[in-house]
Amino acid sequence: MNVISSEQHWLNALLISGLNEGFLVDVDKREKGYDRIRVAPSYIQAYRPDHTAPTPQNIYIHSGNTDKQNDSISPNTSYLDVCLEGAKQWGEDFYTDFLDSTFVSDGVSLRTYIEQTS
């Protein structure tokens, strides 16, 4: 599943703080084919405002290189299962938003994809 830049959309994600540059270099190696892009702290909104912590100044997201994106490839089933289980661990609202804000291909939400393939 790729992160694709969009001015009209948003995504839910986990913000993990306290990572050092060495860790990020290791992630960059694992995420070949993705660009690490800095996200301005002003773009971050707490998912649950009652559980806020100070927003780190260095926030990054990995976005798939456009030359590597291919809408004709379906998600890897085992990786999708890991992502779904992880999203469920953050509560029903997070999971629902994950299904509705993640797209498998041109306009097909993850929710629709799962319904069509079940």
N, C-alpha and C. Protein backbone atom coordinates (compact mmCIF):
# COMPACT_ATOMS: atom_id res chain seq x y z
N MET A 1 0.85 -1.16 0.00
CA MET A 1 0.00 0.00 0.00
C MET A 1 0.90 1.22 0.00
N ASN A 2 0.62 2.14 -0.87
CA ASN A 2 1.45 3.33 -1.02
C ASN A 2 0.80 4.54 -0.39
N VAL A 3 1.62 5.50 -0.01
CA VAL A 3 1.15 6.83 0.35
C VAL A 3 1.37 7.68 -0.87
N ILE A 4 0.30 8.30 -1.34
CA ILE A 4 0.36 9.14 -2.54
C ILE A 4 -0.06 10.54 -2.15
N SER A 5 0.71 11.53 -2.55
CA SER A 5 0.44 12.91 -2.22
C SER A 5 -0.92 13.36 -2.76
N SER A 6 -1.66 14.08 -1.93
CA SER A 6 -2.96 14.59 -2.34
C SER A 6 -3.31 15.80 -1.50
N GLU A 7 -3.78 16.85 -2.13
CA GLU A 7 -4.21 18.05 -1.40
C GLU A 7 -5.62 17.89 -0.85
N GLN A 8 -6.39 16.93 -1.35
CA GLN A 8 -7.79 16.77 -0.96
C GLN A 8 -8.01 15.64 0.05
N HIS A 9 -7.01 14.87 0.37
CA HIS A 9 -7.20 13.71 1.22
C HIS A 9 -6.30 13.75 2.45
N TRP A 10 -6.56 12.86 3.36
CA TRP A 10 -5.78 12.72 4.58
C TRP A 10 -5.56 11.24 4.83
N LEU A 11 -4.74 10.93 5.79
CA LEU A 11 -4.56 9.54 6.17
C LEU A 11 -4.38 9.45 7.67
N ASN A 12 -4.69 8.29 8.19
CA ASN A 12 -4.40 8.07 9.60
C ASN A 12 -3.14 7.22 9.68
N ALA A 13 -2.35 7.50 10.68
CA ALA A 13 -1.07 6.81 10.81
C ALA A 13 -0.63 6.87 12.26
N LEU A 14 0.38 6.13 12.57
CA LEU A 14 0.96 6.16 13.91
C LEU A 14 2.17 7.09 13.88
N LEU A 15 2.28 7.91 14.88
CA LEU A 15 3.42 8.80 15.03
C LEU A 15 4.30 8.23 16.13
N ILE A 16 5.49 7.82 15.73
CA ILE A 16 6.43 7.23 16.68
C ILE A 16 7.55 8.23 16.91
N SER A 17 7.69 8.67 18.14
CA SER A 17 8.70 9.69 18.42
C SER A 17 9.95 9.06 19.03
N GLY A 18 11.01 9.85 19.08
CA GLY A 18 12.24 9.43 19.73
C GLY A 18 13.16 8.55 18.90
N LEU A 19 12.91 8.48 17.60
CA LEU A 19 13.76 7.65 16.75
C LEU A 19 14.99 8.45 16.34
N ASN A 20 16.15 7.80 16.36
CA ASN A 20 17.37 8.51 15.99
C ASN A 20 17.62 8.37 14.49
N GLU A 21 18.56 9.14 14.00
CA GLU A 21 18.87 9.15 12.56
C GLU A 21 19.33 7.78 12.08
N GLY A 22 20.05 7.03 12.90
CA GLY A 22 20.49 5.69 12.51
C GLY A 22 19.31 4.77 12.24
N PHE A 23 18.29 4.87 13.07
CA PHE A 23 17.08 4.07 12.85
C PHE A 23 16.44 4.46 11.53
N LEU A 24 16.36 5.75 11.25
CA LEU A 24 15.74 6.21 10.01
C LEU A 24 16.52 5.74 8.78
N VAL A 25 17.84 5.70 8.89
CA VAL A 25 18.67 5.20 7.78
C VAL A 25 18.34 3.73 7.53
N ASP A 26 18.17 2.95 8.60
CA ASP A 26 17.82 1.54 8.46
C ASP A 26 16.44 1.38 7.82
N VAL A 27 15.49 2.21 8.22
CA VAL A 27 14.15 2.16 7.62
C VAL A 27 14.23 2.53 6.14
N ASP A 28 15.01 3.54 5.82
CA ASP A 28 15.18 3.93 4.42
C ASP A 28 15.71 2.77 3.58
N LYS A 29 16.63 2.00 4.12
CA LYS A 29 17.16 0.84 3.40
C LYS A 29 16.07 -0.20 3.16
N ARG A 30 15.25 -0.44 4.20
CA ARG A 30 14.16 -1.41 4.07
C ARG A 30 13.10 -0.93 3.09
N GLU A 31 12.85 0.36 3.08
CA GLU A 31 11.78 0.92 2.25
C GLU A 31 12.31 1.42 0.90
N LYS A 32 13.12 0.58 0.26
CA LYS A 32 13.61 0.92 -1.07
C LYS A 32 12.41 1.17 -1.98
N GLY A 33 12.50 2.13 -2.85
CA GLY A 33 11.38 2.45 -3.72
C GLY A 33 10.43 3.47 -3.12
N TYR A 34 10.76 3.95 -1.93
CA TYR A 34 9.97 4.98 -1.26
C TYR A 34 10.87 6.17 -0.95
N ASP A 35 10.30 7.33 -0.93
CA ASP A 35 11.03 8.54 -0.52
C ASP A 35 10.60 8.91 0.89
N ARG A 36 11.57 9.26 1.73
CA ARG A 36 11.25 9.78 3.06
C ARG A 36 11.01 11.28 2.91
N ILE A 37 9.83 11.72 3.29
CA ILE A 37 9.42 13.11 3.12
C ILE A 37 9.10 13.70 4.49
N ARG A 38 9.61 14.88 4.73
CA ARG A 38 9.33 15.56 6.00
C ARG A 38 7.91 16.12 5.96
N VAL A 39 7.20 15.96 7.07
CA VAL A 39 5.84 16.47 7.23
C VAL A 39 5.89 17.60 8.26
N ALA A 40 5.32 18.74 7.93
CA ALA A 40 5.29 19.87 8.86
C ALA A 40 4.42 19.51 10.07
N PRO A 41 4.88 19.81 11.27
CA PRO A 41 4.09 19.51 12.47
C PRO A 41 2.68 20.11 12.41
N SER A 42 2.50 21.20 11.70
CA SER A 42 1.17 21.82 11.61
C SER A 42 0.16 20.93 10.90
N TYR A 43 0.63 19.93 10.15
CA TYR A 43 -0.28 19.01 9.46
C TYR A 43 -0.75 17.86 10.35
N ILE A 44 -0.18 17.75 11.54
CA ILE A 44 -0.50 16.64 12.43
C ILE A 44 -1.66 17.02 13.34
N GLN A 45 -2.63 16.14 13.42
CA GLN A 45 -3.76 16.32 14.32
C GLN A 45 -3.90 15.04 15.14
N ALA A 46 -3.99 15.20 16.44
CA ALA A 46 -4.10 14.04 17.31
C ALA A 46 -5.37 13.27 17.00
N TYR A 47 -5.26 11.98 16.96
CA TYR A 47 -6.42 11.15 16.68
C TYR A 47 -7.39 11.19 17.84
N ARG A 48 -6.83 11.14 19.03
CA ARG A 48 -7.65 11.28 20.24
C ARG A 48 -7.10 12.46 21.02
N PRO A 49 -7.75 13.61 20.91
CA PRO A 49 -7.23 14.82 21.56
C PRO A 49 -6.98 14.68 23.06
N ASP A 50 -7.66 13.74 23.71
CA ASP A 50 -7.45 13.54 25.14
C ASP A 50 -6.15 12.78 25.45
N HIS A 51 -5.47 12.28 24.43
CA HIS A 51 -4.20 11.56 24.61
C HIS A 51 -3.08 12.24 23.84
N THR A 52 -2.94 13.52 24.00
CA THR A 52 -1.93 14.23 23.22
C THR A 52 -0.59 14.29 23.96
N ALA A 53 0.44 14.40 23.19
CA ALA A 53 1.79 14.61 23.68
C ALA A 53 2.39 15.70 22.79
N PRO A 54 3.47 16.29 23.20
CA PRO A 54 4.08 17.30 22.33
C PRO A 54 4.40 16.72 20.95
N THR A 55 4.10 17.46 19.92
CA THR A 55 4.36 17.01 18.55
C THR A 55 5.84 17.20 18.21
N PRO A 56 6.53 16.13 17.81
CA PRO A 56 7.95 16.27 17.44
C PRO A 56 8.11 17.22 16.24
N GLN A 57 9.25 17.81 16.13
CA GLN A 57 9.52 18.73 15.02
C GLN A 57 9.95 17.99 13.75
N ASN A 58 10.58 16.83 13.90
CA ASN A 58 11.02 16.05 12.74
C ASN A 58 10.09 14.87 12.54
N ILE A 59 9.17 15.02 11.60
CA ILE A 59 8.18 14.00 11.30
C ILE A 59 8.35 13.62 9.83
N TYR A 60 8.35 12.31 9.57
CA TYR A 60 8.55 11.84 8.20
C TYR A 60 7.49 10.80 7.84
N ILE A 61 7.26 10.71 6.55
CA ILE A 61 6.40 9.67 6.01
C ILE A 61 7.14 9.11 4.78
N HIS A 62 6.96 7.84 4.53
CA HIS A 62 7.54 7.24 3.33
C HIS A 62 6.47 7.18 2.26
N SER A 63 6.78 7.77 1.11
CA SER A 63 5.84 7.82 0.00
C SER A 63 6.43 7.08 -1.19
N GLY A 64 5.61 6.24 -1.81
CA GLY A 64 6.09 5.44 -2.94
C GLY A 64 6.52 6.29 -4.11
N ASN A 65 7.66 5.94 -4.69
CA ASN A 65 8.11 6.63 -5.91
C ASN A 65 7.06 6.44 -7.00
N THR A 66 6.71 7.50 -7.70
CA THR A 66 5.65 7.41 -8.69
C THR A 66 5.97 6.42 -9.80
N ASP A 67 7.25 6.24 -10.12
CA ASP A 67 7.60 5.29 -11.18
C ASP A 67 7.44 3.84 -10.72
N LYS A 68 7.26 3.61 -9.43
CA LYS A 68 7.08 2.26 -8.90
C LYS A 68 5.61 1.93 -8.60
N GLN A 69 4.71 2.92 -8.71
CA GLN A 69 3.31 2.70 -8.39
C GLN A 69 2.61 2.01 -9.55
N ASN A 70 1.77 1.04 -9.20
CA ASN A 70 1.07 0.27 -10.22
C ASN A 70 -0.29 -0.14 -9.66
N ASP A 71 -1.35 0.48 -10.14
CA ASP A 71 -2.70 0.20 -9.65
C ASP A 71 -3.19 -1.19 -10.01
N SER A 72 -2.51 -1.89 -10.89
CA SER A 72 -2.99 -3.22 -11.30
C SER A 72 -2.52 -4.32 -10.34
N ILE A 73 -1.66 -3.97 -9.39
CA ILE A 73 -1.16 -4.96 -8.44
C ILE A 73 -2.04 -4.94 -7.19
N SER A 74 -2.56 -6.10 -6.82
CA SER A 74 -3.37 -6.21 -5.61
C SER A 74 -2.47 -6.29 -4.39
N PRO A 75 -2.99 -5.90 -3.22
CA PRO A 75 -2.18 -5.98 -2.01
C PRO A 75 -1.73 -7.41 -1.71
N ASN A 76 -0.55 -7.54 -1.18
CA ASN A 76 -0.05 -8.83 -0.70
C ASN A 76 -0.92 -9.23 0.48
N THR A 77 -1.54 -10.40 0.41
CA THR A 77 -2.53 -10.82 1.41
C THR A 77 -1.96 -10.86 2.83
N SER A 78 -0.77 -11.42 3.00
CA SER A 78 -0.22 -11.53 4.36
C SER A 78 0.14 -10.14 4.91
N TYR A 79 0.66 -9.26 4.05
CA TYR A 79 0.98 -7.89 4.50
C TYR A 79 -0.30 -7.13 4.83
N LEU A 80 -1.33 -7.30 4.01
CA LEU A 80 -2.61 -6.66 4.27
C LEU A 80 -3.17 -7.13 5.61
N ASP A 81 -3.09 -8.42 5.90
CA ASP A 81 -3.57 -8.95 7.18
C ASP A 81 -2.84 -8.31 8.36
N VAL A 82 -1.52 -8.13 8.23
CA VAL A 82 -0.74 -7.49 9.28
C VAL A 82 -1.21 -6.04 9.48
N CYS A 83 -1.42 -5.32 8.37
CA CYS A 83 -1.87 -3.93 8.45
C CYS A 83 -3.25 -3.84 9.10
N LEU A 84 -4.16 -4.72 8.70
CA LEU A 84 -5.52 -4.71 9.27
C LEU A 84 -5.49 -5.01 10.76
N GLU A 85 -4.73 -6.01 11.16
CA GLU A 85 -4.63 -6.34 12.59
C GLU A 85 -4.02 -5.19 13.38
N GLY A 86 -3.01 -4.55 12.81
CA GLY A 86 -2.40 -3.41 13.47
C GLY A 86 -3.37 -2.26 13.62
N ALA A 87 -4.14 -1.97 12.58
CA ALA A 87 -5.12 -0.87 12.64
C ALA A 87 -6.20 -1.17 13.68
N LYS A 88 -6.61 -2.41 13.79
CA LYS A 88 -7.64 -2.79 14.78
C LYS A 88 -7.15 -2.52 16.20
N GLN A 89 -5.86 -2.67 16.43
CA GLN A 89 -5.32 -2.49 17.78
C GLN A 89 -5.45 -1.05 18.29
N TRP A 90 -5.71 -0.10 17.37
CA TRP A 90 -5.81 1.30 17.76
C TRP A 90 -7.26 1.75 17.91
N GLY A 91 -8.20 0.81 17.90
CA GLY A 91 -9.59 1.14 18.17
C GLY A 91 -10.45 1.13 16.92
N GLU A 92 -11.74 1.06 17.14
CA GLU A 92 -12.70 0.96 16.05
C GLU A 92 -12.69 2.18 15.14
N ASP A 93 -12.58 3.39 15.71
CA ASP A 93 -12.56 4.60 14.87
C ASP A 93 -11.35 4.62 13.95
N PHE A 94 -10.19 4.28 14.50
CA PHE A 94 -8.96 4.24 13.69
C PHE A 94 -9.11 3.20 12.58
N TYR A 95 -9.59 2.02 12.95
CA TYR A 95 -9.75 0.94 11.97
C TYR A 95 -10.72 1.33 10.87
N THR A 96 -11.85 1.92 11.23
CA THR A 96 -12.83 2.36 10.24
C THR A 96 -12.22 3.39 9.29
N ASP A 97 -11.52 4.36 9.85
CA ASP A 97 -10.88 5.37 9.00
C ASP A 97 -9.80 4.75 8.12
N PHE A 98 -9.08 3.77 8.63
CA PHE A 98 -8.06 3.09 7.82
C PHE A 98 -8.70 2.43 6.60
N LEU A 99 -9.83 1.76 6.81
CA LEU A 99 -10.53 1.11 5.69
C LEU A 99 -11.04 2.12 4.67
N ASP A 100 -11.47 3.28 5.16
CA ASP A 100 -12.09 4.26 4.27
C ASP A 100 -11.12 5.28 3.68
N SER A 101 -9.93 5.41 4.27
CA SER A 101 -8.97 6.40 3.75
C SER A 101 -7.80 5.75 3.02
N THR A 102 -7.84 4.43 2.90
CA THR A 102 -6.81 3.69 2.17
C THR A 102 -7.42 3.21 0.86
N PHE A 103 -6.71 3.44 -0.22
CA PHE A 103 -7.21 3.06 -1.54
C PHE A 103 -6.26 2.07 -2.19
N VAL A 104 -6.85 1.03 -2.75
CA VAL A 104 -6.08 -0.04 -3.38
C VAL A 104 -5.70 0.36 -4.80
N SER A 105 -6.61 0.95 -5.51
CA SER A 105 -6.36 1.41 -6.88
C SER A 105 -7.28 2.60 -7.13
N ASP A 106 -7.37 3.04 -8.35
CA ASP A 106 -8.14 4.23 -8.70
C ASP A 106 -9.51 4.28 -8.03
N GLY A 107 -9.58 4.95 -6.90
CA GLY A 107 -10.85 5.19 -6.25
C GLY A 107 -11.46 4.01 -5.53
N VAL A 108 -10.81 2.87 -5.47
CA VAL A 108 -11.35 1.70 -4.79
C VAL A 108 -10.80 1.69 -3.37
N SER A 109 -11.70 1.93 -2.40
CA SER A 109 -11.25 1.95 -1.00
C SER A 109 -10.87 0.55 -0.55
N LEU A 110 -10.08 0.50 0.49
CA LEU A 110 -9.70 -0.79 1.06
C LEU A 110 -10.94 -1.53 1.54
N ARG A 111 -11.89 -0.81 2.11
CA ARG A 111 -13.15 -1.44 2.55
C ARG A 111 -13.83 -2.14 1.38
N THR A 112 -13.97 -1.45 0.25
CA THR A 112 -14.62 -2.03 -0.93
C THR A 112 -13.83 -3.22 -1.46
N TYR A 113 -12.49 -3.08 -1.50
CA TYR A 113 -11.64 -4.17 -1.96
C TYR A 113 -11.86 -5.42 -1.12
N ILE A 114 -11.89 -5.27 0.21
CA ILE A 114 -12.07 -6.41 1.11
C ILE A 114 -13.46 -7.03 0.89
N GLU A 115 -14.47 -6.19 0.76
CA GLU A 115 -15.83 -6.70 0.53
C GLU A 115 -15.92 -7.48 -0.78
N GLN A 116 -15.23 -7.00 -1.81
CA GLN A 116 -15.27 -7.63 -3.13
C GLN A 116 -14.47 -8.92 -3.19
N THR A 117 -13.44 -9.03 -2.34
CA THR A 117 -12.59 -10.22 -2.39
C THR A 117 -12.95 -11.26 -1.32
N SER A 118 -13.86 -10.93 -0.45
CA SER A 118 -14.25 -11.89 0.61
C SER A 118 -15.23 -12.91 0.11
